[in-house]
Protein backbone atom coordinates (compact mmCIF):
# COMPACT_ATOMS: atom_id res chain seq x y z
CA MET A 1 129.17 319.76 85.89
CA ILE A 2 127.35 321.30 83.17
CA THR A 3 125.68 324.32 83.63
CA SER A 4 124.10 325.83 81.04
CA LEU A 5 122.95 324.73 77.14
CA LYS A 6 122.28 326.87 74.03
CA ILE A 7 121.26 325.29 70.84
CA SER A 8 120.65 327.70 67.94
CA ASN A 9 119.23 326.21 64.36
CA TYR A 10 119.58 322.38 64.62
CA ALA A 11 116.85 320.22 63.39
CA LEU A 12 113.78 321.07 64.48
CA ILE A 13 115.37 323.60 67.62
CA GLU A 14 115.33 327.10 66.55
CA HIS A 15 116.60 328.58 69.86
CA LEU A 16 116.97 326.96 72.75
CA ASP A 17 118.78 328.39 76.09
CA ILE A 18 118.95 326.55 79.40
CA ALA A 19 120.52 326.73 82.31
CA PHE A 20 121.04 323.05 84.74
CA ASP A 21 121.64 322.70 88.16
CA LYS A 22 123.77 320.45 90.33
CA GLY A 23 121.97 317.14 91.42
CA MET A 24 119.23 315.42 89.55
CA THR A 25 117.67 316.54 86.74
CA CYS A 26 115.23 314.49 84.61
CA ILE A 27 113.44 314.88 80.56
CA THR A 28 109.90 313.71 80.07
CA GLY A 29 108.54 314.07 76.96
CA GLU A 30 106.26 312.17 74.55
CA THR A 31 108.06 309.65 72.05
CA GLY A 32 109.17 311.82 68.91
CA ALA A 33 108.98 314.89 70.92
CA GLY A 34 112.93 315.51 70.10
CA LYS A 35 114.70 314.09 73.29
CA SER A 36 116.95 312.35 70.75
CA ILE A 37 117.44 315.51 68.93
CA LEU A 38 118.22 317.18 72.13
CA MET A 39 120.71 314.70 72.80
CA GLY A 40 122.21 314.97 69.41
CA GLY A 41 122.65 318.34 70.19
CA LEU A 42 124.63 317.73 72.90
CA ALA A 43 126.94 315.61 71.37
CA LEU A 44 127.74 317.64 68.75
CA VAL A 45 129.27 319.94 71.04
CA LEU A 46 131.19 317.01 72.46
CA GLY A 47 132.66 316.03 69.34
CA LYS A 48 130.79 314.21 67.37
CA ARG A 49 131.13 314.50 63.45
CA ALA A 50 128.94 317.26 61.96
CA ASP A 51 126.28 316.25 59.22
CA LEU A 52 125.10 319.00 57.07
CA SER A 53 121.91 317.96 57.46
CA ALA A 54 121.77 319.33 61.14
CA LEU A 55 120.54 322.64 60.03
CA LYS A 56 117.05 323.35 60.61
CA ASP A 57 117.75 326.88 58.23
CA ASN A 58 120.18 326.07 55.01
CA ASN A 59 120.90 330.13 55.32
CA LYS A 60 122.16 330.43 58.88
CA LYS A 61 124.48 328.79 60.89
CA CYS A 62 123.96 326.09 63.64
CA ILE A 63 126.04 326.74 66.89
CA VAL A 64 125.90 324.72 70.15
CA GLU A 65 127.36 325.56 73.09
CA ALA A 66 127.59 324.40 77.10
CA SER A 67 129.38 325.75 79.61
CA PHE A 68 130.98 322.92 82.34
CA LEU A 69 132.38 324.11 86.07
CA ILE A 70 135.41 321.73 86.00
CA ASN A 71 137.27 322.94 88.80
CA ASN A 72 137.17 319.73 90.11
CA TYR A 73 138.37 317.23 87.72
CA ASN A 74 142.31 318.20 87.90
CA LEU A 75 142.17 319.25 84.23
CA LYS A 76 144.80 322.76 84.50
CA HIS A 77 147.41 319.99 82.55
CA PHE A 78 145.46 318.99 80.39
CA PHE A 79 145.12 322.70 79.21
CA GLU A 80 148.69 323.66 79.96
CA GLU A 81 149.72 321.01 76.81
CA LEU A 82 147.10 322.01 75.10
CA GLU A 83 147.77 326.04 75.37
CA LEU A 84 144.84 327.02 76.16
CA ASP A 85 143.33 329.35 78.36
CA TYR A 86 142.04 327.62 82.02
CA GLU A 87 138.67 328.69 83.39
CA GLU A 88 137.18 327.26 85.79
CA GLU A 89 133.54 328.01 84.04
CA THR A 90 134.62 326.36 80.96
CA ILE A 91 132.51 326.91 77.19
CA LEU A 92 132.91 324.53 74.62
CA ARG A 93 131.30 325.76 71.12
CA ARG A 94 130.42 324.19 68.21
CA GLU A 95 129.34 325.94 64.79
CA ILE A 96 128.63 324.43 61.20
CA ILE A 97 127.99 327.03 58.57
CA PRO A 98 125.70 326.60 55.77
CA SER A 99 128.72 325.64 53.42
CA GLY A 100 128.98 322.31 56.07
CA LYS A 101 132.21 323.44 57.44
CA SER A 102 132.40 322.70 61.15
CA ARG A 103 134.50 324.27 63.68
CA ALA A 104 135.10 323.48 67.61
CA PHE A 105 136.02 326.00 70.38
CA ILE A 106 137.47 325.58 73.85
CA ASN A 107 137.19 329.22 75.90
CA ASP A 108 136.66 330.84 72.23
CA THR A 109 140.11 329.08 70.77
CA PRO A 110 139.97 326.90 68.09
CA VAL A 111 140.80 323.28 68.56
CA THR A 112 140.45 320.53 66.50
CA LEU A 113 137.61 317.52 67.32
CA ASP A 114 140.09 315.39 68.98
CA VAL A 115 140.81 318.02 71.35
CA VAL A 116 137.59 318.29 72.30
CA GLY A 117 136.57 314.75 72.41
CA ARG A 118 139.50 314.09 74.95
CA LEU A 119 138.16 317.21 76.90
CA SER A 120 134.54 316.05 77.37
CA ALA A 121 135.19 312.71 77.70
CA SER A 122 136.49 313.96 81.52
CA LEU A 123 133.06 315.90 81.46
CA ILE A 124 130.30 313.95 80.61
CA ASP A 125 129.68 310.20 80.39
CA ILE A 126 126.20 309.31 78.04
CA HIS A 127 124.76 306.35 79.17
CA SER A 128 122.62 304.36 77.13
CA GLN A 129 121.74 300.35 76.60
CA LEU A 130 124.54 300.08 73.88
CA GLU A 131 127.29 301.68 76.69
CA ASN A 132 126.57 298.36 78.81
CA GLN A 133 128.78 296.53 76.77
CA SER A 134 131.57 298.72 78.27
CA LEU A 135 131.15 296.24 81.00
CA PHE A 136 132.43 293.32 79.34
CA ARG A 137 135.30 294.40 78.68
CA ASN A 138 138.51 293.80 81.54
CA GLU A 139 139.32 297.22 81.63
CA TYR A 140 135.99 298.39 82.94
CA GLN A 141 135.78 295.27 85.20
CA PHE A 142 139.98 296.24 86.83
CA LEU A 143 138.71 300.31 86.98
CA VAL A 144 135.46 299.21 88.87
CA LEU A 145 137.61 296.57 91.49
CA ASP A 146 140.19 298.87 91.91
CA ALA A 147 138.04 301.47 92.18
CA LEU A 148 137.18 299.79 95.83
CA ALA A 149 140.40 298.56 96.27
CA GLY A 150 141.60 301.78 97.11
CA ASN A 151 144.20 300.50 93.99
CA SER A 152 144.22 303.98 92.50
CA ASN A 153 148.02 305.41 93.66
CA ILE A 154 149.41 301.54 93.55
CA LEU A 155 148.24 301.18 90.16
CA VAL A 156 150.09 304.46 88.75
CA LYS A 157 153.32 302.97 90.17
CA TYR A 158 152.78 299.92 88.39
CA LYS A 159 151.96 301.54 85.24
CA GLU A 160 155.16 303.14 85.27
CA GLN A 161 157.43 300.51 86.82
CA LEU A 162 156.01 298.52 83.61
CA GLN A 163 157.20 300.79 80.78
CA TYR A 164 160.25 301.09 82.51
CA TYR A 165 160.25 297.60 82.58
CA GLN A 166 159.34 297.66 78.76
CA GLU A 167 161.97 300.06 77.87
CA THR A 168 164.69 297.91 80.01
CA LEU A 169 163.74 294.17 78.33
CA GLY A 170 164.08 296.48 74.87
CA GLU A 171 167.39 298.11 75.41
CA LEU A 172 168.57 294.61 76.52
CA ASN A 173 166.95 292.61 73.61
CA ARG A 174 168.46 295.21 71.51
CA LEU A 175 172.15 294.80 73.11
CA LYS A 176 171.60 290.95 72.48
CA GLY A 177 171.02 291.63 69.06
CA VAL A 178 174.04 293.94 68.92
CA ARG A 179 175.89 290.66 69.97
CA GLU A 180 175.26 288.68 67.74
CA ASP A 181 175.04 291.35 64.96
CA ALA A 182 179.15 292.41 66.21
CA ALA A 183 180.52 288.76 65.92
CA LYS A 184 180.10 288.26 62.84
CA ILE A 185 180.62 292.31 61.30
CA GLN A 186 183.55 293.27 63.95
CA ASP A 187 186.42 292.33 61.55
CA TYR A 188 184.82 294.24 58.79
CA ASN A 189 183.60 297.46 61.38
CA GLN A 190 187.46 297.03 62.18
CA PHE A 191 189.23 297.68 58.76
CA LEU A 192 186.56 299.96 58.02
CA TYR A 193 187.30 301.84 60.91
CA ASN A 194 191.26 302.06 60.06
CA GLU A 195 191.25 302.43 57.09
CA LEU A 196 189.38 305.95 58.06
CA VAL A 197 191.97 306.73 60.44
CA ILE A 198 194.33 306.21 58.07
CA ALA A 199 193.35 308.25 56.01
CA ASP A 200 194.05 311.58 59.12
CA LEU A 201 190.56 313.09 57.87
CA THR A 202 189.93 316.61 59.15
CA PRO A 203 187.62 318.67 58.47
CA SER A 204 188.85 321.45 55.98
CA MET A 205 191.38 319.35 54.49
CA MET A 206 190.08 318.63 51.34
CA LYS A 207 190.45 322.56 50.29
CA ALA A 208 193.89 322.60 51.29
CA LEU A 209 194.88 319.58 49.34
CA GLU A 210 193.46 320.00 46.55
CA GLU A 211 195.29 324.03 46.43
CA GLU A 212 198.54 321.90 47.15
CA ILE A 213 198.28 319.82 44.57
CA GLU A 214 196.82 322.35 41.93
CA GLN A 215 200.02 324.55 42.49
CA LEU A 216 202.18 321.44 42.67
CA SER A 217 200.66 320.15 38.97
CA ASN A 218 201.84 323.57 37.79
CA VAL A 219 205.53 324.73 38.77
CA SER A 220 206.46 325.66 35.55
CA SER A 221 203.78 327.91 34.47
CA LEU A 222 203.50 329.55 38.02
CA GLN A 223 207.29 330.30 37.55
CA ALA A 224 206.87 332.26 34.68
CA TYR A 225 204.02 333.96 35.53
CA LEU A 226 205.97 335.27 38.74
CA SER A 227 208.77 335.81 36.47
CA GLN A 228 207.24 338.01 34.46
CA SER A 229 205.29 339.63 36.92
CA ILE A 230 208.99 340.56 38.66
CA GLN A 231 209.91 341.54 34.84
CA LEU A 232 207.29 343.96 34.23
CA VAL A 233 208.10 345.46 38.02
CA GLU A 234 211.64 346.30 37.39
CA GLU A 235 212.35 346.78 34.56
CA GLU A 236 214.46 349.70 33.86
CA GLN A 237 213.33 351.69 31.09
CA MET A 238 209.66 350.95 31.73
CA GLY A 239 208.94 348.80 34.95
CA LEU A 240 205.99 349.84 37.25
CA LEU A 241 209.00 350.88 39.73
CA THR A 242 210.60 353.41 37.15
CA GLN A 243 207.50 354.96 36.11
CA LEU A 244 206.42 355.38 39.78
CA SER A 245 209.85 356.98 40.55
CA ALA A 246 209.56 358.95 38.04
CA LEU A 247 206.21 360.19 39.00
CA LYS A 248 206.52 360.61 42.38
CA THR A 249 209.51 362.90 41.41
CA VAL A 250 206.91 365.19 39.30
CA LEU A 251 204.39 365.19 42.23
CA ASN A 252 206.62 366.49 44.68
CA ASP A 253 208.47 369.00 41.98
CA ALA A 254 204.80 370.01 41.94
CA ALA A 255 203.88 369.95 45.88
CA ASN A 256 207.09 372.07 46.53
CA GLN A 257 204.97 375.33 44.14
CA SER A 258 201.13 374.13 45.95
CA LYS A 259 200.90 372.51 48.96
CA LYS A 260 197.16 371.36 47.58
CA LEU A 261 199.11 369.02 45.58
CA ASN A 262 201.59 367.25 48.24
CA VAL A 263 197.74 364.86 48.74
CA PHE A 264 198.89 363.29 44.90
CA TYR A 265 202.88 363.14 45.92
CA GLU A 266 201.21 360.87 48.97
CA ARG A 267 199.42 358.61 47.46
CA VAL A 268 202.25 357.66 45.07
CA ASN A 269 204.45 357.57 47.62
CA SER A 270 202.50 354.95 49.49
CA LEU A 271 201.86 353.00 46.49
CA LEU A 272 205.34 352.88 45.48
CA ILE A 273 206.60 351.59 49.10
CA GLU A 274 203.36 348.66 48.47
CA LEU A 275 205.00 347.97 45.01
CA LYS A 276 208.20 347.42 46.49
CA ASP A 277 207.07 344.89 49.37
CA VAL A 278 204.80 342.99 46.40
CA LEU A 279 208.43 342.55 45.03
CA GLU A 280 210.01 341.60 47.57
CA GLU A 281 207.38 339.34 48.00
CA LEU A 282 207.23 338.07 44.62
CA PHE A 283 210.73 337.11 44.79
CA SER A 284 210.40 334.92 47.56
CA GLU A 285 207.63 333.21 45.88
CA GLN A 286 209.36 332.28 43.47
CA GLU A 287 212.21 331.08 45.77
CA SER A 288 209.87 329.08 47.39
CA LEU A 289 208.50 327.58 44.24
CA GLU A 290 210.03 324.26 43.38
CA SER A 291 209.35 321.26 41.19
CA ASN A 292 208.16 318.19 43.69
CA PRO A 293 207.20 315.32 41.99
CA HIS A 294 207.24 313.38 44.84
CA ARG A 295 205.31 315.16 47.33
CA LEU A 296 203.05 315.38 44.08
CA GLU A 297 202.79 311.83 43.99
CA ILE A 298 202.18 311.70 47.79
CA LEU A 299 199.16 314.07 47.66
CA THR A 300 197.86 312.94 44.77
CA ALA A 301 197.65 308.94 45.99
CA GLN A 302 195.47 310.50 49.65
CA TRP A 303 193.44 312.77 47.53
CA ASP A 304 191.98 309.27 45.24
CA ARG A 305 191.96 307.58 48.33
CA ILE A 306 189.52 309.86 50.00
CA GLN A 307 188.07 310.15 46.95
CA ALA A 308 187.62 306.10 47.16
CA LEU A 309 185.99 306.37 50.45
CA PHE A 310 183.53 308.68 49.23
CA GLN A 311 182.29 306.24 46.66
CA LYS A 312 182.67 303.48 49.22
CA HIS A 313 180.23 305.05 51.98
CA GLY A 314 178.35 306.61 49.92
CA VAL A 315 178.56 310.58 50.92
CA ASP A 316 180.45 313.71 49.34
CA THR A 317 182.18 315.07 52.78
CA VAL A 318 184.95 314.61 54.54
CA ASP A 319 182.29 315.74 57.54
CA ASP A 320 180.64 312.50 56.61
CA LEU A 321 183.41 311.08 56.69
CA ILE A 322 184.20 312.16 60.10
CA LYS A 323 180.76 311.00 61.02
CA ILE A 324 180.96 307.88 60.15
CA LYS A 325 184.35 307.04 61.18
CA ASP A 326 183.08 308.44 64.90
CA LYS A 327 180.05 305.81 64.49
CA LEU A 328 182.26 302.86 64.02
CA GLU A 329 184.41 304.12 66.62
CA ARG A 330 181.38 303.74 69.23
CA GLU A 331 180.31 300.77 67.87
CA LEU A 332 183.12 298.75 67.77
CA ALA A 333 183.54 300.13 71.72
CA GLU A 334 180.19 299.41 72.28
CA THR A 335 180.94 295.66 71.44
CA GLN A 336 184.18 295.54 72.96
CA ASP A 337 182.28 296.45 76.74
CA ILE A 338 178.98 294.29 75.18
CA ASP A 339 179.28 291.76 77.53
CA ASP A 340 179.53 293.79 81.16
CA THR A 341 176.78 296.36 79.46
CA ILE A 342 174.10 292.92 78.64
CA ALA A 343 175.11 292.11 82.97
CA LYS A 344 174.10 295.84 83.98
CA VAL A 345 171.03 295.52 82.15
CA ASN A 346 170.20 292.38 83.06
CA ASP A 347 170.38 293.25 86.71
CA GLN A 348 168.41 296.31 86.44
CA LEU A 349 165.82 294.09 84.61
CA SER A 350 165.83 291.78 87.37
CA THR A 351 165.00 294.24 90.06
CA ALA A 352 162.41 296.10 88.19
CA ASN A 353 160.93 292.02 87.38
CA LYS A 354 160.91 292.15 91.82
CA THR A 355 159.47 295.82 92.05
CA LEU A 356 157.02 294.81 89.97
CA ASN A 357 156.00 291.10 91.24
CA ASN A 358 156.11 292.92 94.34
CA LEU A 359 153.36 295.75 93.60
CA ALA A 360 151.28 293.20 91.04
CA GLN A 361 150.91 291.06 94.30
CA GLU A 362 149.62 294.08 96.27
CA LEU A 363 147.23 294.83 93.37
CA HIS A 364 146.12 291.25 93.84
CA ASN A 365 145.20 290.95 97.57
CA ASN A 366 143.23 294.38 97.52
CA ARG A 367 141.68 293.05 94.87
CA LYS A 368 141.00 289.88 96.49
CA LYS A 369 139.89 291.47 99.88
CA ALA A 370 137.75 294.09 97.74
CA SER A 371 135.84 291.88 95.86
CA PRO A 372 133.62 290.34 98.38
CA LYS A 373 132.29 294.09 99.46
CA LEU A 374 131.91 295.09 95.56
CA CYS A 375 129.66 291.70 94.81
CA LYS A 376 127.88 292.70 98.74
CA GLN A 377 126.74 296.10 97.56
CA MET A 378 125.92 295.00 93.67
CA GLU A 379 123.91 292.16 95.16
CA LEU A 380 121.88 294.67 97.96
CA ILE A 381 121.56 297.31 94.66
CA ILE A 382 120.16 295.24 91.90
CA SER A 383 118.09 293.59 94.28
CA LYS A 384 115.95 296.74 95.11
CA MET A 385 115.93 296.38 91.44
CA GLY A 386 113.97 293.28 91.07
CA MET A 387 116.84 290.35 90.85
CA GLU A 388 116.19 289.47 94.61
CA ASN A 389 118.52 286.14 93.50
CA ALA A 390 121.15 287.48 91.40
CA ARG A 391 125.03 286.72 92.39
CA PHE A 392 128.28 287.76 91.45
CA LYS A 393 131.38 286.61 91.88
CA VAL A 394 134.88 288.15 90.67
CA ASP A 395 137.47 285.54 89.13
CA LEU A 396 141.40 286.56 88.98
CA ALA A 397 142.99 284.41 87.13
CA PRO A 398 146.64 284.42 87.39
CA SER A 399 148.84 285.53 84.55
CA GLU A 400 152.50 284.61 83.76
CA VAL A 401 153.26 287.86 82.22
CA PHE A 402 152.43 291.25 83.29
CA LEU A 403 149.45 292.89 82.15
CA ALA A 404 148.80 296.68 82.03
CA ASN A 405 146.55 296.16 85.02
CA GLY A 406 148.70 293.78 86.59
CA LYS A 407 149.59 289.50 86.58
CA GLU A 408 145.95 289.12 86.15
CA GLN A 409 142.85 288.69 83.70
CA ILE A 410 139.69 289.85 85.79
CA ASN A 411 136.44 288.35 84.64
CA PHE A 412 132.95 289.44 86.34
CA LEU A 413 130.49 285.82 86.98
CA PHE A 414 126.58 286.24 87.59
CA SER A 415 124.10 284.08 88.72
CA ALA A 416 120.48 285.47 88.02
CA ASN A 417 118.76 282.54 89.31
CA LEU A 418 118.89 280.96 92.77
CA GLY A 419 120.81 277.09 91.55
CA SER A 420 122.16 278.77 88.31
CA GLU A 421 125.88 278.14 87.84
CA PHE A 422 128.32 281.24 87.87
CA LYS A 423 129.10 282.29 84.16
CA PRO A 424 130.61 285.65 82.73
CA LEU A 425 128.53 288.20 82.23
CA LYS A 426 128.47 288.50 78.81
CA LYS A 427 127.34 285.11 78.23
CA VAL A 428 124.16 285.14 80.53
CA ALA A 429 123.17 288.32 81.35
CA SER A 430 119.84 289.79 79.19
CA GLY A 431 119.80 293.69 77.97
CA GLY A 432 117.27 294.34 80.75
CA GLU A 433 119.40 293.22 83.13
CA MET A 434 122.70 294.78 81.86
CA SER A 435 121.41 298.01 82.45
CA ARG A 436 120.48 297.45 85.85
CA ILE A 437 123.45 295.65 86.36
CA MET A 438 125.70 298.88 84.88
CA LEU A 439 123.59 301.43 87.14
CA SER A 440 124.39 299.56 90.07
CA ILE A 441 128.12 299.70 89.36
CA LYS A 442 128.23 303.27 88.58
CA ALA A 443 126.53 304.20 91.80
CA ILE A 444 129.36 302.00 93.41
CA LEU A 445 131.15 304.08 91.89
CA SER A 446 129.70 307.55 92.35
CA GLN A 447 130.99 306.64 95.94
CA PHE A 448 134.86 306.48 95.46
CA GLN A 449 135.25 308.42 92.30
CA GLN A 450 134.58 311.78 90.99
CA LEU A 451 132.18 310.80 88.21
CA PRO A 452 132.16 313.40 85.17
CA THR A 453 128.83 313.61 84.48
CA ILE A 454 126.49 311.51 83.80
CA VAL A 455 123.49 311.22 81.44
CA PHE A 456 120.98 307.94 81.58
CA ASP A 457 119.39 307.70 77.88
CA GLU A 458 116.46 305.40 78.88
CA ILE A 459 118.35 303.55 80.58
CA ASP A 460 114.84 302.30 82.86
CA THR A 461 113.79 301.04 78.88
CA GLY A 462 111.31 297.69 80.20
CA VAL A 463 111.43 298.40 83.98
CA SER A 464 108.08 297.99 85.79
CA GLY A 465 107.04 300.53 88.38
CA THR A 466 108.08 299.02 91.55
CA ILE A 467 111.26 298.99 90.35
CA SER A 468 111.23 302.20 88.56
CA ASN A 469 110.67 303.76 91.98
CA GLU A 470 114.15 301.87 93.35
CA VAL A 471 115.81 302.89 89.68
CA GLY A 472 115.42 306.13 90.60
CA SER A 473 116.45 305.97 94.06
CA ILE A 474 119.55 304.80 93.18
CA MET A 475 120.00 307.08 90.60
CA SER A 476 118.74 310.53 92.82
CA GLY A 477 121.27 308.87 95.34
CA MET A 478 124.49 308.80 92.76
CA SER A 479 123.16 312.78 92.10
CA GLU A 480 124.73 313.30 95.83
CA ASN A 481 127.75 313.21 94.59
CA MET A 482 127.91 314.18 91.00
CA GLN A 483 125.38 315.46 88.61
CA VAL A 484 122.89 312.88 86.84
CA PHE A 485 120.72 313.55 84.20
CA THR A 486 118.09 311.15 83.36
CA ILE A 487 115.87 311.08 79.93
CA THR A 488 112.90 308.94 80.94
CA HIS A 489 109.37 307.40 79.95
CA LEU A 490 109.20 306.55 84.13
CA PRO A 491 107.06 308.80 86.71
CA GLN A 492 108.77 307.08 89.21
CA VAL A 493 111.89 308.06 88.35
CA ALA A 494 111.11 311.65 86.74
CA ALA A 495 109.63 312.48 90.30
CA LYS A 496 113.18 311.57 91.93
CA GLY A 497 114.66 314.77 89.99
CA LYS A 498 115.77 317.71 91.58
CA GLN A 499 114.91 319.79 87.94
CA HIS A 500 112.17 318.80 85.62
CA PHE A 501 112.68 319.79 81.62
CA LYS A 502 109.37 318.50 79.05
CA VAL A 503 110.47 318.04 75.82
CA TYR A 504 107.36 318.95 73.18
CA LYS A 505 107.08 319.85 69.75
CA GLU A 506 104.64 323.43 68.64
CA VAL A 507 103.72 323.99 65.82
CA MET A 508 104.29 327.42 64.27
CA GLY A 509 103.08 328.55 60.79
CA ASN A 510 104.47 326.00 58.73
CA THR A 511 107.30 325.03 60.80
CA THR A 512 107.22 322.54 63.55
CA ILE A 513 109.84 323.36 66.47
CA THR A 514 111.19 321.00 69.22
CA LYS A 515 111.40 322.76 72.94
CA LEU A 516 112.44 322.66 76.37
CA LYS A 517 111.28 323.78 79.50
CA GLU A 518 111.57 323.53 83.15
CA LEU A 519 108.42 322.47 85.08
CA ASN A 520 107.15 324.10 87.97
CA ARG A 521 105.57 322.04 90.97
CA GLU A 522 102.49 322.67 89.41
CA GLU A 523 103.26 321.28 85.95
CA ARG A 524 105.61 318.67 87.48
CA ILE A 525 101.93 317.24 88.55
CA LYS A 526 100.18 317.25 85.58
CA GLU A 527 103.08 316.22 83.77
CA LEU A 528 103.71 312.99 86.21
CA ALA A 529 99.73 312.92 85.80
CA GLN A 530 100.00 312.41 82.00
CA MET A 531 102.81 310.00 82.67
CA LEU A 532 100.61 307.62 84.53
CA SER A 533 97.38 307.97 82.97
CA GLY A 534 97.95 309.40 79.42
CA LYS A 535 96.72 312.24 77.79
CA GLN A 536 93.29 312.34 79.93
CA LEU A 537 93.67 313.67 83.22
CA THR A 538 92.16 311.92 86.19
CA GLN A 539 92.03 313.35 89.96
CA THR A 540 93.75 309.69 90.70
CA ALA A 541 96.00 310.29 88.57
CA MET A 542 96.62 313.85 89.72
CA ASP A 543 96.78 312.48 93.40
CA HIS A 544 99.31 309.97 93.13
CA ALA A 545 101.84 312.68 91.30
CA ARG A 546 101.73 314.58 94.27
CA GLN A 547 102.20 311.27 96.42
CA LEU A 548 105.29 311.23 93.98
CA LEU A 549 106.23 314.03 94.27
CA ASN A 550 106.48 314.50 97.77
């Protein structure tokens, strides 16, 4: 339920701060007093698109803030999903700054308007005559009937099974497509796969292959470099070994005279040892290095083959070729086992089909049983609102395919007068009749579901005095299970409220301001009397107003 509403700098509202109670709240006021402005401010905080023209003072920002008690709405998962702070008293805030930018917050966390809209849909239902069109939709008619039929748990199972059925059907169609395609391209895929297997691909092979080809292609020059290197190291007069040996002898003599110089002797000695190791490895490398034209030819052919594979498959690395090989391997294996797989998926689909049919039949049986009960309750409620001869019928037409709510279509049929044939609601019900029908449905739903706060925005327009008393009683009855707001011009309806607010305009200086005031008992009597007789109060109107409140 909504517990408070604060509006600042919106349209004709300078500042508003009101608290609401549970039960039924009535809002009255003369035409043009600002009831639509109040509804606009509420719609703004619930996620409506902002308009810069809504600012009363273009130099200040507009702020609308609403507090809701949400502990009965099972919304913790919503807050967890969006990583929002969950508070039993949750605050929605909307700000419009003079530049025209708009911001929205849930419990002081910035959010998008889409998130606000998703949350507010679970918190408040603003119902006007335009909303009556929803009653024509199959989804809403199923919602009403299933509430009375107690189908909520079965519907959850049905929808889960339907999703599984559709996914399984999609997989079956995919596999059949694979089988059809496989017959056309299996031989070619097998050729591609064999070609990649023969290439004997390994992730790092190109680097090793390139190095070996480079070496075999340059054997003569490499041998020359190695011979020259060996000569520089071991040449008798000026070779590095001779020079380092001489340096070692000199430093040894120096170290015998000064221990401090021994470190140089040790370092040169280490160099000499390392140089001898290098020389041995140079000899070894020279001996192993030999011309092998046949090997070079094999490696070059392998290199060319892999380059050709790169070009054929449109890739640049061996890793990519390996991925293609693995994919082809999986597809070939799948193709080989495709018939067994299709048979298995067919069995799964058959089981799901049977389960869905059983659930759909259970839904249908419950709906068929609940339909007379729903029609009887609607007829009982609507007869109190001046439609004594109205009759309802629920038509459940079987479907050949599984639908979102079962295996049938639904249609609410209506007959307004005795002897009139039943026809779909949208073809025979007038606007006023639709308002009363929708009110009766909401009243019934409130007994079976935890509905959000509902706001009836002049839904009783065009209703006569006698009937208006029954309309008010129905709304009052709904308020025993939920919070109800009604914006009304009818004193009989306004008298039923637990709270009563009056919207009015006040001129302050050169500006007009819309205000909202909660009325005490005496103020309510006066307001109801004015609604009965106009601005000129009569004693009869005052007495009638007291009777209404009592």
